[in-house]
Amino acid sequence: LRKLLADLPLEVEEAGLLLVLRTLPGSAHAIAAALDRARWPEVAGSIAGDDTVFVALPDRASLRRIKGRLISLTGGA
């Protein structure tokens, strides 16, 4: 997941208890699969389209934690 996110642009937005991840067309499935393989306990599940991944979280604290972790993996602040 770290290597993949370091190489792809990623926008992370909150929508309720979902994180909406936007990336390059054709890249969403790879990100969702890598996220699933990471088995982060806070992640309830994910679903990917072509350039967008929805990540479901059980509560706001988990959402904030995962959002920060994803942003840090992209090299963002």
N, C-alpha and C. Protein backbone atom coordinates (compact mmCIF):
# COMPACT_ATOMS: atom_id res chain seq x y z
N LEU A 1 0.84 -1.19 0.00
CA LEU A 1 0.00 0.00 0.00
C LEU A 1 0.88 1.25 0.00
N ARG A 2 1.93 1.24 0.81
CA ARG A 2 2.83 2.39 0.89
C ARG A 2 3.45 2.70 -0.47
N LYS A 3 3.98 1.68 -1.14
CA LYS A 3 4.63 1.88 -2.43
C LYS A 3 3.63 2.37 -3.48
N LEU A 4 2.45 1.79 -3.48
CA LEU A 4 1.41 2.17 -4.42
C LEU A 4 1.00 3.64 -4.22
N LEU A 5 0.75 4.02 -2.98
CA LEU A 5 0.30 5.39 -2.70
C LEU A 5 1.41 6.42 -2.93
N ALA A 6 2.64 5.99 -2.79
CA ALA A 6 3.75 6.92 -3.05
C ALA A 6 3.86 7.24 -4.54
N ASP A 7 3.37 6.33 -5.38
CA ASP A 7 3.49 6.50 -6.83
C ASP A 7 2.25 7.06 -7.51
N LEU A 8 1.14 7.15 -6.80
CA LEU A 8 -0.12 7.62 -7.40
C LEU A 8 -0.62 8.88 -6.71
N PRO A 9 -1.20 9.80 -7.47
CA PRO A 9 -1.85 10.95 -6.82
C PRO A 9 -3.10 10.46 -6.10
N LEU A 10 -3.37 11.03 -4.93
CA LEU A 10 -4.54 10.61 -4.17
C LEU A 10 -5.15 11.82 -3.47
N GLU A 11 -6.44 12.02 -3.70
CA GLU A 11 -7.21 13.01 -2.96
C GLU A 11 -8.05 12.25 -1.95
N VAL A 12 -8.09 12.75 -0.71
CA VAL A 12 -8.85 12.09 0.36
C VAL A 12 -9.86 13.08 0.90
N GLU A 13 -11.15 12.70 0.84
CA GLU A 13 -12.22 13.54 1.36
C GLU A 13 -13.11 12.73 2.28
N GLU A 14 -13.71 13.39 3.25
CA GLU A 14 -14.65 12.75 4.16
C GLU A 14 -16.08 12.92 3.65
N ALA A 15 -16.89 11.88 3.84
CA ALA A 15 -18.32 11.93 3.52
C ALA A 15 -19.03 11.05 4.55
N GLY A 16 -19.46 11.67 5.65
CA GLY A 16 -20.06 10.89 6.73
C GLY A 16 -18.99 10.00 7.34
N LEU A 17 -19.27 8.69 7.39
CA LEU A 17 -18.28 7.74 7.89
C LEU A 17 -17.56 7.02 6.76
N LEU A 18 -17.52 7.68 5.59
CA LEU A 18 -16.79 7.17 4.44
C LEU A 18 -15.61 8.07 4.14
N LEU A 19 -14.53 7.49 3.68
CA LEU A 19 -13.47 8.25 3.05
C LEU A 19 -13.62 8.04 1.56
N VAL A 20 -13.55 9.10 0.80
CA VAL A 20 -13.62 9.04 -0.65
C VAL A 20 -12.22 9.31 -1.16
N LEU A 21 -11.64 8.30 -1.80
CA LEU A 21 -10.29 8.40 -2.33
C LEU A 21 -10.38 8.53 -3.85
N ARG A 22 -9.82 9.60 -4.39
CA ARG A 22 -9.81 9.80 -5.83
C ARG A 22 -8.38 9.72 -6.34
N THR A 23 -8.21 9.01 -7.45
CA THR A 23 -6.89 8.79 -8.02
C THR A 23 -6.98 8.76 -9.54
N LEU A 24 -5.96 8.26 -10.19
CA LEU A 24 -5.95 8.18 -11.65
C LEU A 24 -6.94 7.14 -12.15
N PRO A 25 -7.53 7.36 -13.33
CA PRO A 25 -8.41 6.34 -13.91
C PRO A 25 -7.69 4.99 -14.02
N GLY A 26 -8.40 3.95 -13.62
CA GLY A 26 -7.84 2.60 -13.67
C GLY A 26 -7.05 2.19 -12.45
N SER A 27 -6.86 3.09 -11.47
CA SER A 27 -6.02 2.81 -10.31
C SER A 27 -6.78 2.48 -9.04
N ALA A 28 -8.07 2.73 -9.01
CA ALA A 28 -8.84 2.56 -7.78
C ALA A 28 -8.85 1.12 -7.29
N HIS A 29 -9.00 0.19 -8.21
CA HIS A 29 -9.07 -1.22 -7.80
C HIS A 29 -7.79 -1.66 -7.11
N ALA A 30 -6.65 -1.25 -7.61
CA ALA A 30 -5.36 -1.61 -7.00
C ALA A 30 -5.25 -1.04 -5.59
N ILE A 31 -5.71 0.18 -5.40
CA ILE A 31 -5.66 0.79 -4.07
C ILE A 31 -6.58 0.05 -3.11
N ALA A 32 -7.80 -0.24 -3.54
CA ALA A 32 -8.75 -0.97 -2.68
C ALA A 32 -8.21 -2.35 -2.32
N ALA A 33 -7.64 -3.05 -3.29
CA ALA A 33 -7.08 -4.38 -3.02
C ALA A 33 -5.93 -4.31 -2.03
N ALA A 34 -5.05 -3.32 -2.19
CA ALA A 34 -3.93 -3.16 -1.27
C ALA A 34 -4.42 -2.79 0.13
N LEU A 35 -5.45 -1.96 0.19
CA LEU A 35 -6.03 -1.57 1.48
C LEU A 35 -6.64 -2.80 2.16
N ASP A 36 -7.33 -3.64 1.40
CA ASP A 36 -7.91 -4.86 1.96
C ASP A 36 -6.81 -5.80 2.47
N ARG A 37 -5.72 -5.91 1.73
CA ARG A 37 -4.61 -6.78 2.15
C ARG A 37 -3.90 -6.25 3.40
N ALA A 38 -3.95 -4.93 3.60
CA ALA A 38 -3.32 -4.34 4.79
C ALA A 38 -4.05 -4.75 6.07
N ARG A 39 -5.32 -5.11 5.95
CA ARG A 39 -6.13 -5.59 7.09
C ARG A 39 -6.10 -4.64 8.29
N TRP A 40 -6.23 -3.34 8.00
CA TRP A 40 -6.32 -2.38 9.10
C TRP A 40 -7.63 -2.62 9.84
N PRO A 41 -7.60 -2.82 11.16
CA PRO A 41 -8.81 -3.17 11.90
C PRO A 41 -9.89 -2.08 11.87
N GLU A 42 -9.49 -0.84 11.65
CA GLU A 42 -10.48 0.25 11.62
C GLU A 42 -11.33 0.24 10.35
N VAL A 43 -10.85 -0.40 9.30
CA VAL A 43 -11.56 -0.37 8.01
C VAL A 43 -12.62 -1.47 7.98
N ALA A 44 -13.89 -1.05 7.84
CA ALA A 44 -15.00 -2.00 7.76
C ALA A 44 -15.05 -2.64 6.38
N GLY A 45 -14.65 -1.89 5.35
CA GLY A 45 -14.66 -2.42 4.00
C GLY A 45 -14.40 -1.32 2.99
N SER A 46 -14.20 -1.73 1.74
CA SER A 46 -13.97 -0.75 0.68
C SER A 46 -14.62 -1.23 -0.60
N ILE A 47 -14.89 -0.29 -1.48
CA ILE A 47 -15.43 -0.60 -2.79
C ILE A 47 -14.79 0.36 -3.79
N ALA A 48 -14.41 -0.17 -4.94
CA ALA A 48 -13.67 0.63 -5.92
C ALA A 48 -14.41 0.70 -7.24
N GLY A 49 -14.30 1.86 -7.86
CA GLY A 49 -14.74 2.06 -9.22
C GLY A 49 -13.50 2.18 -10.09
N ASP A 50 -13.55 3.06 -11.06
CA ASP A 50 -12.42 3.26 -11.96
C ASP A 50 -11.35 4.15 -11.33
N ASP A 51 -11.78 5.31 -10.79
CA ASP A 51 -10.83 6.26 -10.21
C ASP A 51 -11.20 6.68 -8.79
N THR A 52 -12.16 5.99 -8.19
CA THR A 52 -12.65 6.35 -6.86
C THR A 52 -12.79 5.11 -5.98
N VAL A 53 -12.36 5.25 -4.73
CA VAL A 53 -12.54 4.19 -3.73
C VAL A 53 -13.34 4.77 -2.58
N PHE A 54 -14.36 4.04 -2.12
CA PHE A 54 -15.08 4.39 -0.90
C PHE A 54 -14.57 3.45 0.19
N VAL A 55 -14.17 4.03 1.31
CA VAL A 55 -13.68 3.25 2.45
C VAL A 55 -14.63 3.50 3.61
N ALA A 56 -15.28 2.44 4.10
CA ALA A 56 -16.25 2.56 5.20
C ALA A 56 -15.55 2.38 6.54
N LEU A 57 -15.83 3.29 7.46
CA LEU A 57 -15.25 3.25 8.80
C LEU A 57 -16.37 3.20 9.84
N PRO A 58 -16.14 2.55 10.98
CA PRO A 58 -17.20 2.39 11.98
C PRO A 58 -17.49 3.64 12.82
N ASP A 59 -16.55 4.56 12.94
CA ASP A 59 -16.76 5.75 13.77
C ASP A 59 -15.81 6.86 13.35
N ARG A 60 -16.04 8.07 13.88
CA ARG A 60 -15.25 9.25 13.51
C ARG A 60 -13.78 9.10 13.90
N ALA A 61 -13.50 8.50 15.04
CA ALA A 61 -12.11 8.35 15.47
C ALA A 61 -11.35 7.47 14.48
N SER A 62 -11.96 6.40 14.04
CA SER A 62 -11.34 5.52 13.04
C SER A 62 -11.14 6.25 11.73
N LEU A 63 -12.14 7.03 11.34
CA LEU A 63 -12.05 7.79 10.10
C LEU A 63 -10.86 8.74 10.13
N ARG A 64 -10.71 9.47 11.22
CA ARG A 64 -9.60 10.42 11.34
C ARG A 64 -8.24 9.70 11.32
N ARG A 65 -8.18 8.57 12.00
CA ARG A 65 -6.93 7.80 12.07
C ARG A 65 -6.53 7.29 10.68
N ILE A 66 -7.47 6.72 9.97
CA ILE A 66 -7.18 6.16 8.65
C ILE A 66 -6.90 7.27 7.64
N LYS A 67 -7.64 8.36 7.73
CA LYS A 67 -7.37 9.49 6.84
C LYS A 67 -5.95 9.98 7.02
N GLY A 68 -5.52 10.16 8.25
CA GLY A 68 -4.16 10.60 8.53
C GLY A 68 -3.12 9.60 8.04
N ARG A 69 -3.40 8.32 8.23
CA ARG A 69 -2.47 7.28 7.80
C ARG A 69 -2.33 7.28 6.28
N LEU A 70 -3.46 7.40 5.57
CA LEU A 70 -3.42 7.42 4.10
C LEU A 70 -2.66 8.64 3.59
N ILE A 71 -2.93 9.79 4.19
CA ILE A 71 -2.24 11.01 3.76
C ILE A 71 -0.74 10.89 4.01
N SER A 72 -0.37 10.33 5.14
CA SER A 72 1.06 10.17 5.42
C SER A 72 1.72 9.20 4.44
N LEU A 73 1.01 8.17 4.00
CA LEU A 73 1.55 7.22 3.04
C LEU A 73 1.75 7.82 1.66
N THR A 74 1.01 8.89 1.35
CA THR A 74 1.17 9.55 0.06
C THR A 74 2.33 10.54 0.10
N GLY A 75 2.88 10.76 1.27
CA GLY A 75 3.93 11.75 1.41
C GLY A 75 3.37 13.13 1.69
N GLY A 76 2.04 13.22 1.86
CA GLY A 76 1.39 14.49 2.16
C GLY A 76 1.55 14.87 3.61
N ALA A 77 1.17 16.13 3.88
CA ALA A 77 1.27 16.61 5.27
C ALA A 77 -0.01 16.39 6.01
